[in-house]
C-alpha atoms as a PDB file:
ATOM      1  CA  UNK A   1     105.004  84.168 -53.172  1.00  0.00           C
ATOM      2  CA  UNK A   2     101.302  84.849 -53.677  1.00  0.00           C
ATOM      3  CA  UNK A   3      98.953  85.535 -50.770  1.00  0.00           C
ATOM      4  CA  UNK A   4      97.388  82.065 -51.108  1.00  0.00           C
ATOM      5  CA  UNK A   5     100.811  80.414 -51.152  1.00  0.00           C
ATOM      6  CA  UNK A   6     101.849  82.412 -48.084  1.00  0.00           C
ATOM      7  CA  UNK A   7      98.729  81.386 -46.165  1.00  0.00           C
ATOM      8  CA  UNK A   8      99.226  77.766 -47.179  1.00  0.00           C
ATOM      9  CA  UNK A   9     102.836  77.879 -45.998  1.00  0.00           C
ATOM     10  CA  UNK A  10     101.832  79.369 -42.618  1.00  0.00           C
ATOM     11  CA  UNK A  11      99.141  76.737 -42.017  1.00  0.00           C
ATOM     12  CA  UNK A  12     101.473  73.883 -42.962  1.00  0.00           C
ATOM     13  CA  UNK A  13     104.338  75.241 -40.851  1.00  0.00           C
ATOM     14  CA  UNK A  14     102.147  75.702 -37.781  1.00  0.00           C
ATOM     15  CA  UNK A  15     100.637  72.239 -38.198  1.00  0.00           C
ATOM     16  CA  UNK A  16     104.088  70.646 -38.452  1.00  0.00           C
ATOM     17  CA  UNK A  17     105.219  72.412 -35.269  1.00  0.00           C
ATOM     18  CA  UNK A  18     102.079  71.317 -33.449  1.00  0.00           C
ATOM     19  CA  UNK A  19     102.608  67.697 -34.484  1.00  0.00           C
ATOM     20  CA  UNK A  20     106.295  67.800 -33.523  1.00  0.00           C
ATOM     21  CA  UNK A  21     105.276  68.969 -30.050  1.00  0.00           C
ATOM     22  CA  UNK A  22     103.486  65.638 -29.464  1.00  0.00           C
ATOM     23  CA  UNK A  23     105.971  63.641 -27.379  1.00  0.00           C
ATOM     24  CA  UNK A  24     104.696  60.119 -27.965  1.00  0.00           C
ATOM     25  CA  UNK A  25     105.052  58.693 -31.523  1.00  0.00           C
ATOM     26  CA  UNK A  26     101.876  56.625 -31.249  1.00  0.00           C
ATOM     27  CA  UNK A  27      99.779  59.682 -30.359  1.00  0.00           C
ATOM     28  CA  UNK A  28     101.302  61.686 -33.213  1.00  0.00           C
ATOM     29  CA  UNK A  29     100.567  58.871 -35.669  1.00  0.00           C
ATOM     30  CA  UNK A  30      96.962  58.603 -34.516  1.00  0.00           C
ATOM     31  CA  UNK A  31      96.371  62.345 -34.994  1.00  0.00           C
ATOM     32  CA  UNK A  32      97.988  62.318 -38.444  1.00  0.00           C
ATOM     33  CA  UNK A  33      95.973  59.318 -39.610  1.00  0.00           C
ATOM     34  CA  UNK A  34      92.644  60.357 -38.075  1.00  0.00           C
ATOM     35  CA  UNK A  35      92.818  63.867 -39.591  1.00  0.00           C
ATOM     36  CA  UNK A  36      94.367  62.766 -42.874  1.00  0.00           C
ATOM     37  CA  UNK A  37      97.446  64.986 -42.490  1.00  0.00           C
ATOM     38  CA  UNK A  38      99.424  62.301 -44.326  1.00  0.00           C
ATOM     39  CA  UNK A  39      96.964  62.475 -47.230  1.00  0.00           C
ATOM     40  CA  UNK A  40      94.619  59.662 -46.216  1.00  0.00           C
ATOM     41  CA  UNK A  41      91.988  60.020 -43.487  1.00  0.00           C
ATOM     42  CA  UNK A  42      91.354  56.774 -41.600  1.00  0.00           C
ATOM     43  CA  UNK A  43      88.550  55.457 -39.404  1.00  0.00           C
ATOM     44  CA  UNK A  44      88.932  54.470 -35.771  1.00  0.00           C
ATOM     45  CA  UNK A  45      88.647  50.812 -36.816  1.00  0.00           C
ATOM     46  CA  UNK A  46      91.356  51.097 -39.463  1.00  0.00           C
ATOM     47  CA  UNK A  47      93.827  52.785 -37.132  1.00  0.00           C
ATOM     48  CA  UNK A  48      93.067  50.325 -34.321  1.00  0.00           C
ATOM     49  CA  UNK A  49      93.552  47.251 -36.501  1.00  0.00           C
ATOM     50  CA  UNK A  50      97.040  48.247 -37.668  1.00  0.00           C
ATOM     51  CA  UNK A  51      98.101  49.333 -34.175  1.00  0.00           C
ATOM     52  CA  UNK A  52      96.678  46.309 -32.418  1.00  0.00           C
ATOM     53  CA  UNK A  53      94.329  48.264 -30.168  1.00  0.00           C
ATOM     54  CA  UNK A  54      90.558  48.652 -29.997  1.00  0.00           C
ATOM     55  CA  UNK A  55      88.487  51.291 -31.754  1.00  0.00           C
ATOM     56  CA  UNK A  56      87.544  52.766 -28.368  1.00  0.00           C
ATOM     57  CA  UNK A  57      91.175  52.977 -27.297  1.00  0.00           C
ATOM     58  CA  UNK A  58      92.032  54.922 -30.461  1.00  0.00           C
ATOM     59  CA  UNK A  59      89.191  57.321 -29.700  1.00  0.00           C
ATOM     60  CA  UNK A  60      90.406  57.806 -26.139  1.00  0.00           C
ATOM     61  CA  UNK A  61      93.991  58.495 -27.223  1.00  0.00           C
ATOM     62  CA  UNK A  62      92.830  60.946 -29.889  1.00  0.00           C
ATOM     63  CA  UNK A  63      90.635  62.825 -27.431  1.00  0.00           C
ATOM     64  CA  UNK A  64      93.334  63.001 -24.753  1.00  0.00           C
ATOM     65  CA  UNK A  65      95.993  64.093 -27.241  1.00  0.00           C
ATOM     66  CA  UNK A  66      93.840  66.908 -28.614  1.00  0.00           C
ATOM     67  CA  UNK A  67      93.188  68.105 -25.067  1.00  0.00           C
ATOM     68  CA  UNK A  68      96.921  68.273 -24.297  1.00  0.00           C
ATOM     69  CA  UNK A  69      97.553  70.045 -27.591  1.00  0.00           C
ATOM     70  CA  UNK A  70      94.982  72.710 -26.696  1.00  0.00           C
ATOM     71  CA  UNK A  71      96.546  73.179 -23.272  1.00  0.00           C
ATOM     72  CA  UNK A  72      99.946  73.528 -24.902  1.00  0.00           C
ATOM     73  CA  UNK A  73      98.659  76.273 -27.172  1.00  0.00           C
ATOM     74  CA  UNK A  74      97.043  78.034 -24.212  1.00  0.00           C
ATOM     75  CA  UNK A  75     100.418  78.036 -22.458  1.00  0.00           C
ATOM     76  CA  UNK A  76     101.961  79.948 -25.351  1.00  0.00           C
ATOM     77  CA  UNK A  77     104.113  77.101 -26.682  1.00  0.00           C
ATOM     78  CA  UNK A  78     103.152  77.968 -30.254  1.00  0.00           C
ATOM     79  CA  UNK A  79     102.289  81.681 -30.570  1.00  0.00           C
ATOM     80  CA  UNK A  80     102.225  81.347 -34.384  1.00  0.00           C
ATOM     81  CA  UNK A  81      98.993  79.407 -33.969  1.00  0.00           C
ATOM     82  CA  UNK A  82      97.183  82.677 -33.192  1.00  0.00           C
ATOM     83  CA  UNK A  83      98.014  83.996 -36.667  1.00  0.00           C
ATOM     84  CA  UNK A  84      96.558  81.029 -38.553  1.00  0.00           C
ATOM     85  CA  UNK A  85      93.594  80.921 -36.186  1.00  0.00           C
ATOM     86  CA  UNK A  86      92.772  84.541 -37.027  1.00  0.00           C
ATOM     87  CA  UNK A  87      93.176  83.802 -40.733  1.00  0.00           C
ATOM     88  CA  UNK A  88      90.685  80.952 -40.410  1.00  0.00           C
ATOM     89  CA  UNK A  89      88.300  83.252 -38.525  1.00  0.00           C
ATOM     90  CA  UNK A  90      88.657  85.909 -41.244  1.00  0.00           C
ATOM     91  CA  UNK A  91      87.830  83.460 -44.043  1.00  0.00           C
ATOM     92  CA  UNK A  92      84.841  82.104 -42.107  1.00  0.00           C
ATOM     93  CA  UNK A  93      83.525  85.648 -41.614  1.00  0.00           C
ATOM     94  CA  UNK A  94      83.726  86.221 -45.365  1.00  0.00           C
ATOM     95  CA  UNK A  95      81.880  82.958 -46.092  1.00  0.00           C
ATOM     96  CA  UNK A  96      79.005  83.587 -43.673  1.00  0.00           C
ATOM     97  CA  UNK A  97      80.514  82.231 -40.439  1.00  0.00           C
ATOM     98  CA  UNK A  98      80.302  78.606 -41.591  1.00  0.00           C
ATOM     99  CA  UNK A  99      81.659  76.560 -44.475  1.00  0.00           C
ATOM    100  CA  UNK A 100      82.361  73.055 -45.660  1.00  0.00           C
ATOM    101  CA  UNK A 101      85.908  71.963 -44.907  1.00  0.00           C
ATOM    102  CA  UNK A 102      86.632  71.523 -48.604  1.00  0.00           C
ATOM    103  CA  UNK A 103      85.523  75.110 -49.270  1.00  0.00           C
ATOM    104  CA  UNK A 104      87.860  76.424 -46.601  1.00  0.00           C
ATOM    105  CA  UNK A 105      90.730  74.313 -47.928  1.00  0.00           C
ATOM    106  CA  UNK A 106      90.184  75.735 -51.398  1.00  0.00           C
ATOM    107  CA  UNK A 107      90.079  79.298 -50.059  1.00  0.00           C
ATOM    108  CA  UNK A 108      93.230  78.941 -47.975  1.00  0.00           C
ATOM    109  CA  UNK A 109      95.281  76.345 -49.848  1.00  0.00           C
ATOM    110  CA  UNK A 110      93.925  76.710 -53.363  1.00  0.00           C
ATOM    111  CA  UNK A 111      93.083  72.985 -53.454  1.00  0.00           C
ATOM    112  CA  UNK A 112      90.791  70.424 -51.814  1.00  0.00           C
ATOM    113  CA  UNK A 113      93.268  67.633 -51.082  1.00  0.00           C
ATOM    114  CA  UNK A 114      92.812  65.451 -48.030  1.00  0.00           C
ATOM    115  CA  UNK A 115      95.967  66.887 -46.466  1.00  0.00           C
ATOM    116  CA  UNK A 116      94.649  70.469 -46.845  1.00  0.00           C
ATOM    117  CA  UNK A 117      91.260  69.511 -45.418  1.00  0.00           C
ATOM    118  CA  UNK A 118      92.948  67.647 -42.576  1.00  0.00           C
ATOM    119  CA  UNK A 119      95.054  70.663 -41.607  1.00  0.00           C
ATOM    120  CA  UNK A 120      91.973  72.925 -41.626  1.00  0.00           C
ATOM    121  CA  UNK A 121      90.041  70.468 -39.455  1.00  0.00           C
ATOM    122  CA  UNK A 122      92.898  70.093 -36.978  1.00  0.00           C
ATOM    123  CA  UNK A 123      93.319  73.879 -36.608  1.00  0.00           C
ATOM    124  CA  UNK A 124      89.541  74.219 -36.145  1.00  0.00           C
ATOM    125  CA  UNK A 125      89.528  71.482 -33.494  1.00  0.00           C
ATOM    126  CA  UNK A 126      92.309  73.195 -31.553  1.00  0.00           C
ATOM    127  CA  UNK A 127      90.790  76.676 -31.803  1.00  0.00           C
ATOM    128  CA  UNK A 128      88.475  77.982 -29.103  1.00  0.00           C
ATOM    129  CA  UNK A 129      86.747  80.181 -31.675  1.00  0.00           C
ATOM    130  CA  UNK A 130      85.498  77.440 -34.003  1.00  0.00           C
ATOM    131  CA  UNK A 131      83.690  74.104 -33.996  1.00  0.00           C
ATOM    132  CA  UNK A 132      84.512  71.365 -36.514  1.00  0.00           C
ATOM    133  CA  UNK A 133      81.575  69.134 -37.417  1.00  0.00           C
ATOM    134  CA  UNK A 134      81.962  65.545 -38.572  1.00  0.00           C
ATOM    135  CA  UNK A 135      80.591  63.950 -41.726  1.00  0.00           C
ATOM    136  CA  UNK A 136      77.780  61.414 -42.030  1.00  0.00           C
ATOM    137  CA  UNK A 137      74.981  60.653 -44.496  1.00  0.00           C
ATOM    138  CA  UNK A 138      73.257  63.958 -43.760  1.00  0.00           C
ATOM    139  CA  UNK A 139      76.075  66.474 -43.235  1.00  0.00           C
ATOM    140  CA  UNK A 140      79.309  67.511 -44.921  1.00  0.00           C
ATOM    141  CA  UNK A 141      82.380  67.999 -42.702  1.00  0.00           C
ATOM    142  CA  UNK A 142      82.478  71.695 -41.871  1.00  0.00           C
ATOM    143  CA  UNK A 143      83.781  74.430 -39.633  1.00  0.00           C
ATOM    144  CA  UNK A 144      81.554  76.964 -37.868  1.00  0.00           C
ATOM    145  CA  UNK A 145      82.664  80.204 -36.250  1.00  0.00           C
ATOM    146  CA  UNK A 146      81.118  80.067 -32.775  1.00  0.00           C
ATOM    147  CA  UNK A 147      81.991  80.043 -29.086  1.00  0.00           C
ATOM    148  CA  UNK A 148      78.506  79.092 -27.940  1.00  0.00           C
ATOM    149  CA  UNK A 149      77.267  76.181 -30.037  1.00  0.00           C
ATOM    150  CA  UNK A 150      78.206  72.514 -29.890  1.00  0.00           C
ATOM    151  CA  UNK A 151      78.383  70.223 -32.909  1.00  0.00           C
ATOM    152  CA  UNK A 152      74.952  68.897 -31.924  1.00  0.00           C
ATOM    153  CA  UNK A 153      73.531  72.449 -31.838  1.00  0.00           C
ATOM    154  CA  UNK A 154      74.982  73.251 -35.254  1.00  0.00           C
ATOM    155  CA  UNK A 155      73.495  70.161 -36.888  1.00  0.00           C
ATOM    156  CA  UNK A 156      70.156  70.957 -35.269  1.00  0.00           C
ATOM    157  CA  UNK A 157      70.272  74.417 -36.861  1.00  0.00           C
ATOM    158  CA  UNK A 158      71.075  72.803 -40.211  1.00  0.00           C
ATOM    159  CA  UNK A 159      68.009  70.592 -39.848  1.00  0.00           C
ATOM    160  CA  UNK A 160      65.826  73.636 -39.115  1.00  0.00           C
ATOM    161  CA  UNK A 161      66.933  75.292 -42.356  1.00  0.00           C
ATOM    162  CA  UNK A 162      66.405  72.073 -44.346  1.00  0.00           C
ATOM    163  CA  UNK A 163      62.897  71.621 -42.934  1.00  0.00           C
ATOM    164  CA  UNK A 164      62.096  75.265 -43.655  1.00  0.00           C
ATOM    165  CA  UNK A 165      62.974  74.766 -47.316  1.00  0.00           C
ATOM    166  CA  UNK A 166      61.030  71.507 -47.391  1.00  0.00           C
ATOM    167  CA  UNK A 167      57.922  73.117 -45.877  1.00  0.00           C
ATOM    168  CA  UNK A 168      58.131  76.017 -48.345  1.00  0.00           C
ATOM    169  CA  UNK A 169      57.897  73.501 -51.166  1.00  0.00           C
ATOM    170  CA  UNK A 170      59.962  75.263 -53.831  1.00  0.00           C
ATOM    171  CA  UNK A 171      63.459  76.733 -54.286  1.00  0.00           C
ATOM    172  CA  UNK A 172      64.159  80.065 -52.585  1.00  0.00           C
ATOM    173  CA  UNK A 173      66.735  82.832 -52.871  1.00  0.00           C
ATOM    174  CA  UNK A 174      69.076  83.577 -49.988  1.00  0.00           C
ATOM    175  CA  UNK A 175      67.003  86.633 -49.043  1.00  0.00           C
ATOM    176  CA  UNK A 176      63.805  84.601 -49.079  1.00  0.00           C
ATOM    177  CA  UNK A 177      65.377  81.855 -46.996  1.00  0.00           C
ATOM    178  CA  UNK A 178      66.555  84.410 -44.425  1.00  0.00           C
ATOM    179  CA  UNK A 179      63.011  85.759 -44.130  1.00  0.00           C
ATOM    180  CA  UNK A 180      61.555  82.265 -43.796  1.00  0.00           C
ATOM    181  CA  UNK A 181      63.967  81.112 -41.093  1.00  0.00           C
ATOM    182  CA  UNK A 182      63.482  84.167 -38.915  1.00  0.00           C
ATOM    183  CA  UNK A 183      65.731  86.355 -36.809  1.00  0.00           C
ATOM    184  CA  UNK A 184      68.437  83.847 -35.892  1.00  0.00           C
ATOM    185  CA  UNK A 185      70.739  85.068 -38.675  1.00  0.00           C
ATOM    186  CA  UNK A 186      71.780  88.627 -39.534  1.00  0.00           C
ATOM    187  CA  UNK A 187      72.671  88.189 -43.210  1.00  0.00           C
ATOM    188  CA  UNK A 188      71.532  85.888 -46.054  1.00  0.00           C
ATOM    189  CA  UNK A 189      75.077  84.536 -46.379  1.00  0.00           C
ATOM    190  CA  UNK A 190      74.854  83.176 -42.839  1.00  0.00           C
ATOM    191  CA  UNK A 191      71.729  81.117 -43.405  1.00  0.00           C
ATOM    192  CA  UNK A 192      72.984  79.773 -46.758  1.00  0.00           C
ATOM    193  CA  UNK A 193      76.318  78.899 -45.143  1.00  0.00           C
ATOM    194  CA  UNK A 194      74.448  76.754 -42.628  1.00  0.00           C
ATOM    195  CA  UNK A 195      72.292  75.297 -45.422  1.00  0.00           C
ATOM    196  CA  UNK A 196      75.399  74.305 -47.402  1.00  0.00           C
ATOM    197  CA  UNK A 197      76.466  71.934 -44.613  1.00  0.00           C
ATOM    198  CA  UNK A 198      73.472  69.690 -45.393  1.00  0.00           C
ATOM    199  CA  UNK A 199      73.813  66.977 -48.029  1.00  0.00           C
ATOM    200  CA  UNK A 200      70.087  67.347 -48.741  1.00  0.00           C
ATOM    201  CA  UNK A 201      70.250  70.986 -49.905  1.00  0.00           C
ATOM    202  CA  UNK A 202      71.440  72.104 -53.348  1.00  0.00           C
ATOM    203  CA  UNK A 203      72.096  75.538 -54.814  1.00  0.00           C
ATOM    204  CA  UNK A 204      71.672  76.399 -58.482  1.00  0.00           C
ATOM    205  CA  UNK A 205      71.514  79.919 -59.924  1.00  0.00           C
ATOM    206  CA  UNK A 206      71.242  81.385 -56.423  1.00  0.00           C
ATOM    207  CA  UNK A 207      68.200  79.252 -55.652  1.00  0.00           C
ATOM    208  CA  UNK A 208      68.283  76.891 -52.688  1.00  0.00           C
ATOM    209  CA  UNK A 209      66.217  73.726 -52.627  1.00  0.00           C
ATOM    210  CA  UNK A 210      66.142  70.036 -51.791  1.00  0.00           C
ATOM    211  CA  UNK A 211      68.306  67.630 -53.736  1.00  0.00           C
ATOM    212  CA  UNK A 212      65.262  65.749 -55.005  1.00  0.00           C
ATOM    213  CA  UNK A 213      64.010  68.892 -56.768  1.00  0.00           C
ATOM    214  CA  UNK A 214      65.176  68.880 -60.411  1.00  0.00           C
ATOM    215  CA  UNK A 215      65.149  72.702 -60.598  1.00  0.00           C
ATOM    216  CA  UNK A 216      68.197  72.842 -58.321  1.00  0.00           C
ATOM    217  CA  UNK A 217      69.612  69.353 -58.884  1.00  0.00           C
ATOM    218  CA  UNK A 218      68.925  68.252 -62.482  1.00  0.00           C
ATOM    219  CA  UNK A 219      69.585  64.563 -62.927  1.00  0.00           C
ATOM    220  CA  UNK A 220      68.722  63.937 -66.567  1.00  0.00           C
ATOM    221  CA  UNK A 221      68.718  65.731 -69.921  1.00  0.00           C
ATOM    222  CA  UNK A 222      65.067  66.775 -69.651  1.00  0.00           C
ATOM    223  CA  UNK A 223      65.671  68.503 -66.313  1.00  0.00           C
ATOM    224  CA  UNK A 224      68.660  70.354 -67.756  1.00  0.00           C
ATOM    225  CA  UNK A 225      66.636  71.393 -70.805  1.00  0.00           C
ATOM    226  CA  UNK A 226      63.929  72.746 -68.522  1.00  0.00           C
ATOM    227  CA  UNK A 227      66.432  74.845 -66.560  1.00  0.00           C
ATOM    228  CA  UNK A 228      67.971  76.327 -69.722  1.00  0.00           C
ATOM    229  CA  UNK A 229      64.551  77.213 -71.161  1.00  0.00           C
ATOM    230  CA  UNK A 230      63.168  78.562 -67.889  1.00  0.00           C
ATOM    231  CA  UNK A 231      66.063  81.036 -67.693  1.00  0.00           C
ATOM    232  CA  UNK A 232      65.439  82.441 -71.174  1.00  0.00           C
ATOM    233  CA  UNK A 233      62.907  85.130 -70.159  1.00  0.00           C
ATOM    234  CA  UNK A 234      59.944  83.228 -71.665  1.00  0.00           C
ATOM    235  CA  UNK A 235      61.520  83.310 -75.125  1.00  0.00           C
ATOM    236  CA  UNK A 236      61.339  80.099 -77.202  1.00  0.00           C
ATOM    237  CA  UNK A 237      64.640  78.576 -78.334  1.00  0.00           C
ATOM    238  CA  UNK A 238      65.852  76.401 -81.181  1.00  0.00           C
ATOM    239  CA  UNK A 239      66.843  72.927 -80.009  1.00  0.00           C
ATOM    240  CA  UNK A 240      70.480  73.506 -81.066  1.00  0.00           C
ATOM    241  CA  UNK A 241      70.627  76.634 -78.888  1.00  0.00           C
ATOM    242  CA  UNK A 242      69.089  74.693 -76.012  1.00  0.00           C
ATOM    243  CA  UNK A 243      71.754  72.005 -76.439  1.00  0.00           C
ATOM    244  CA  UNK A 244      74.474  74.667 -76.436  1.00  0.00           C
ATOM    245  CA  UNK A 245      72.966  76.118 -73.263  1.00  0.00           C
ATOM    246  CA  UNK A 246      73.020  72.734 -71.541  1.00  0.00           C
ATOM    247  CA  UNK A 247      76.646  72.138 -72.552  1.00  0.00           C
ATOM    248  CA  UNK A 248      77.737  75.557 -71.302  1.00  0.00           C
ATOM    249  CA  UNK A 249      76.248  75.068 -67.845  1.00  0.00           C
ATOM    250  CA  UNK A 250      78.080  73.530 -64.909  1.00  0.00           C
ATOM    251  CA  UNK A 251      76.044  70.340 -65.124  1.00  0.00           C
ATOM    252  CA  UNK A 252      77.434  66.857 -64.648  1.00  0.00           C
ATOM    253  CA  UNK A 253      77.734  64.737 -67.808  1.00  0.00           C
ATOM    254  CA  UNK A 254      77.331  67.482 -70.354  1.00  0.00           C
ATOM    255  CA  UNK A 255      78.697  65.446 -73.257  1.00  0.00           C
ATOM    256  CA  UNK A 256      75.321  65.299 -75.020  1.00  0.00           C
ATOM    257  CA  UNK A 257      74.427  65.805 -78.663  1.00  0.00           C
ATOM    258  CA  UNK A 258      71.947  68.172 -80.292  1.00  0.00           C
ATOM    259  CA  UNK A 259      69.933  65.170 -81.458  1.00  0.00           C
ATOM    260  CA  UNK A 260      69.710  63.778 -77.928  1.00  0.00           C
ATOM    261  CA  UNK A 261      68.314  67.114 -76.748  1.00  0.00           C
ATOM    262  CA  UNK A 262      65.819  67.183 -79.623  1.00  0.00           C
ATOM    263  CA  UNK A 263      64.646  63.655 -78.810  1.00  0.00           C
ATOM    264  CA  UNK A 264      63.970  64.606 -75.187  1.00  0.00           C
ATOM    265  CA  UNK A 265      62.120  67.777 -76.224  1.00  0.00           C
ATOM    266  CA  UNK A 266      59.733  65.676 -78.297  1.00  0.00           C
ATOM    267  CA  UNK A 267      58.975  63.248 -75.451  1.00  0.00           C
ATOM    268  CA  UNK A 268      58.223  65.669 -72.601  1.00  0.00           C
ATOM    269  CA  UNK A 269      54.879  67.483 -72.289  1.00  0.00           C
ATOM    270  CA  UNK A 270      56.598  70.425 -70.605  1.00  0.00           C
ATOM    271  CA  UNK A 271      58.080  71.390 -73.988  1.00  0.00           C
ATOM    272  CA  UNK A 272      55.966  72.644 -76.883  1.00  0.00           C
ATOM    273  CA  UNK A 273      57.059  72.844 -80.513  1.00  0.00           C
ATOM    274  CA  UNK A 274      56.215  76.388 -81.618  1.00  0.00           C
ATOM    275  CA  UNK A 275      58.198  76.629 -84.828  1.00  0.00           C
ATOM    276  CA  UNK A 276      60.661  74.747 -87.011  1.00  0.00           C
ATOM    277  CA  UNK A 277      62.874  73.169 -84.336  1.00  0.00           C
ATOM    278  CA  UNK A 278      61.848  75.877 -81.878  1.00  0.00           C
ATOM    279  CA  UNK A 279      60.497  75.000 -78.429  1.00  0.00           C
ATOM    280  CA  UNK A 280      58.831  76.808 -75.527  1.00  0.00           C
ATOM    281  CA  UNK A 281      57.611  75.797 -72.079  1.00  0.00           C
ATOM    282  CA  UNK A 282      53.957  74.851 -71.690  1.00  0.00           C
ATOM    283  CA  UNK A 283      53.842  76.865 -68.456  1.00  0.00           C
ATOM    284  CA  UNK A 284      54.324  80.008 -70.557  1.00  0.00           C
ATOM    285  CA  UNK A 285      50.853  79.441 -72.009  1.00  0.00           C
ATOM    286  CA  UNK A 286      51.854  77.413 -75.057  1.00  0.00           C
ATOM    287  CA  UNK A 287      49.850  74.308 -75.972  1.00  0.00           C
ATOM    288  CA  UNK A 288      50.738  71.372 -78.167  1.00  0.00           C
ATOM    289  CA  UNK A 289      49.061  71.021 -81.559  1.00  0.00           C
ATOM    290  CA  UNK A 290      49.331  71.747 -85.268  1.00  0.00           C
ATOM    291  CA  UNK A 291      48.716  75.162 -86.842  1.00  0.00           C
ATOM    292  CA  UNK A 292      45.174  74.039 -87.661  1.00  0.00           C
ATOM    293  CA  UNK A 293      44.691  73.127 -83.985  1.00  0.00           C
ATOM    294  CA  UNK A 294      45.893  76.565 -82.935  1.00  0.00           C
ATOM    295  CA  UNK A 295      43.601  78.342 -85.403  1.00  0.00           C
ATOM    296  CA  UNK A 296      40.653  76.278 -84.183  1.00  0.00           C
ATOM    297  CA  UNK A 297      41.353  77.297 -80.578  1.00  0.00           C
ATOM    298  CA  UNK A 298      41.541  80.944 -81.630  1.00  0.00           C
ATOM    299  CA  UNK A 299      38.154  80.734 -83.369  1.00  0.00           C
ATOM    300  CA  UNK A 300      36.615  78.754 -80.527  1.00  0.00           C
ATOM    301  CA  UNK A 301      37.263  81.709 -78.245  1.00  0.00           C
ATOM    302  CA  UNK A 302      35.961  84.307 -80.727  1.00  0.00           C
ATOM    303  CA  UNK A 303      34.375  83.893 -84.125  1.00  0.00           C
ATOM    304  CA  UNK A 304      34.207  85.135 -86.818  1.00  0.00           C
ATOM    305  CA  UNK A 305      37.592  86.858 -87.071  1.00  0.00           C
ATOM    306  CA  UNK A 306      39.413  88.601 -89.873  1.00  0.00           C
ATOM    307  CA  UNK A 307      42.327  86.623 -91.220  1.00  0.00           C
ATOM    308  CA  UNK A 308      44.787  89.352 -90.156  1.00  0.00           C
ATOM    309  CA  UNK A 309      43.591  89.024 -86.571  1.00  0.00           C
ATOM    310  CA  UNK A 310      43.807  85.228 -86.784  1.00  0.00           C
ATOM    311  CA  UNK A 311      47.387  85.516 -88.014  1.00  0.00           C
ATOM    312  CA  UNK A 312      48.263  87.944 -85.224  1.00  0.00           C
ATOM    313  CA  UNK A 313      46.892  85.652 -82.530  1.00  0.00           C
ATOM    314  CA  UNK A 314      48.505  82.505 -83.915  1.00  0.00           C
ATOM    315  CA  UNK A 315      51.896  84.241 -84.102  1.00  0.00           C
ATOM    316  CA  UNK A 316      51.687  84.856 -80.361  1.00  0.00           C
ATOM    317  CA  UNK A 317      52.033  81.129 -79.753  1.00  0.00           C
ATOM    318  CA  UNK A 318      53.799  79.856 -82.859  1.00  0.00           C
ATOM    319  CA  UNK A 319      56.955  80.988 -84.612  1.00  0.00           C
ATOM    320  CA  UNK A 320      55.993  80.281 -88.232  1.00  0.00           C
ATOM    321  CA  UNK A 321      55.648  82.288 -91.412  1.00  0.00           C
ATOM    322  CA  UNK A 322      52.418  84.170 -92.054  1.00  0.00           C
ATOM    323  CA  UNK A 323      52.018  82.243 -95.306  1.00  0.00           C
ATOM    324  CA  UNK A 324      51.964  78.972 -93.359  1.00  0.00           C
ATOM    325  CA  UNK A 325      49.047  80.193 -91.239  1.00  0.00           C
ATOM    326  CA  UNK A 326      47.097  81.430 -94.287  1.00  0.00           C
ATOM    327  CA  UNK A 327      47.683  78.135 -96.050  1.00  0.00           C
ATOM    328  CA  UNK A 328      46.277  76.163 -93.103  1.00  0.00           C
ATOM    329  CA  UNK A 329      43.350  78.569 -92.917  1.00  0.00           C
ATOM    330  CA  UNK A 330      42.277  77.282 -96.338  1.00  0.00           C
ATOM    331  CA  UNK A 331      41.327  73.879 -94.881  1.00  0.00           C
ATOM    332  CA  UNK A 332      37.665  73.684 -95.928  1.00  0.00           C
ATOM    333  CA  UNK A 333      36.952  70.825 -93.545  1.00  0.00           C
ATOM    334  CA  UNK A 334      37.901  73.044 -90.601  1.00  0.00           C
ATOM    335  CA  UNK A 335      37.244  76.683 -91.545  1.00  0.00           C
ATOM    336  CA  UNK A 336      34.703  78.603 -93.591  1.00  0.00           C
ATOM    337  CA  UNK A 337      35.017  82.087 -95.039  1.00  0.00           C
ATOM    338  CA  UNK A 338      31.793  83.956 -94.401  1.00  0.00           C
ATOM    339  CA  UNK A 339      32.662  87.531 -95.365  1.00  0.00           C
ATOM    340  CA  UNK A 340      35.521  89.222 -97.101  1.00  0.00           C
ATOM    341  CA  UNK A 341      38.569  88.082 -95.157  1.00  0.00           C
ATOM    342  CA  UNK A 342      36.534  86.756 -92.205  1.00  0.00           C
ATOM    343  CA  UNK A 343      36.548  83.153 -91.085  1.00  0.00           C
ATOM    344  CA  UNK A 344      34.646  80.903 -88.721  1.00  0.00           C
ATOM    345  CA  UNK A 345      34.703  77.240 -87.731  1.00  0.00           C
ATOM    346  CA  UNK A 346      33.049  74.514 -89.757  1.00  0.00           C
ATOM    347  CA  UNK A 347      30.541  72.774 -87.516  1.00  0.00           C
ATOM    348  CA  UNK A 348      31.296  69.115 -87.052  1.00  0.00           C
END
């Protein structure tokens, strides 16, 4: 049995013993259904409707049952609970003292099923060392290693981190985020663990930012193209290589074609054609235009220039053959040779 399988077995065994210790069948059923131990997590309304009681009554029974379960553990009725509690604490320490429930389930069980997540949440609820936070539109369900904070406090801390990122205005590394937030956290992993609880924060390539920022949450092909190019050390890429880069990344909906990538490259001003099928980012200093346009800009800055110098400067921003540049330099409506090998602009 592997270590993961052993941990999974311990958590399941302890959970089964805890549930068996509940004397009243109705209370046991409510706990199983509310935490999703049976594989399907249900709302207060759903449980109440099938049991013929109100939503509030379900909540009261759940709360009272959890309290008695905690007291039972305190009285030593299930000493094995201490072992799984310490395992949960250990994993949380490794993850930065906080984690989404699904992350913990994957670490301990090797899967993210509802049953696994339900067991983790139940153990966290019963432990005095952890706080389980609930899910809503802003937060993922999570577990935080703390004896001081309430669920309300934890979500407030999450909001502080989110607002810090928002105020900064661009994605940050974990180290940068730690420095921005201040002295509340001792290690970058702690502040990113808190950030990961928010549904508004995304992480891509170790950069943390808001979900509406395409650099950490690309939503279309153009955004994905931009990310692939921006991580290429300011080196232009052929559109087929860009497409391969997009497909190799852990992006959603990566079943795109080379032609689709090429079409998007043509449409977006962020991308500049610098050679035959080769593109660069405009923010690298590249500008759109033909070879004649590029030569004109070179001569507008300094003129006259020797053709060798013109070629050298054009090749800095275009990946074409030298012969192509020399051929375009022969345009008599644009350029005039004034000395041996020297050219200037034709006045228009």
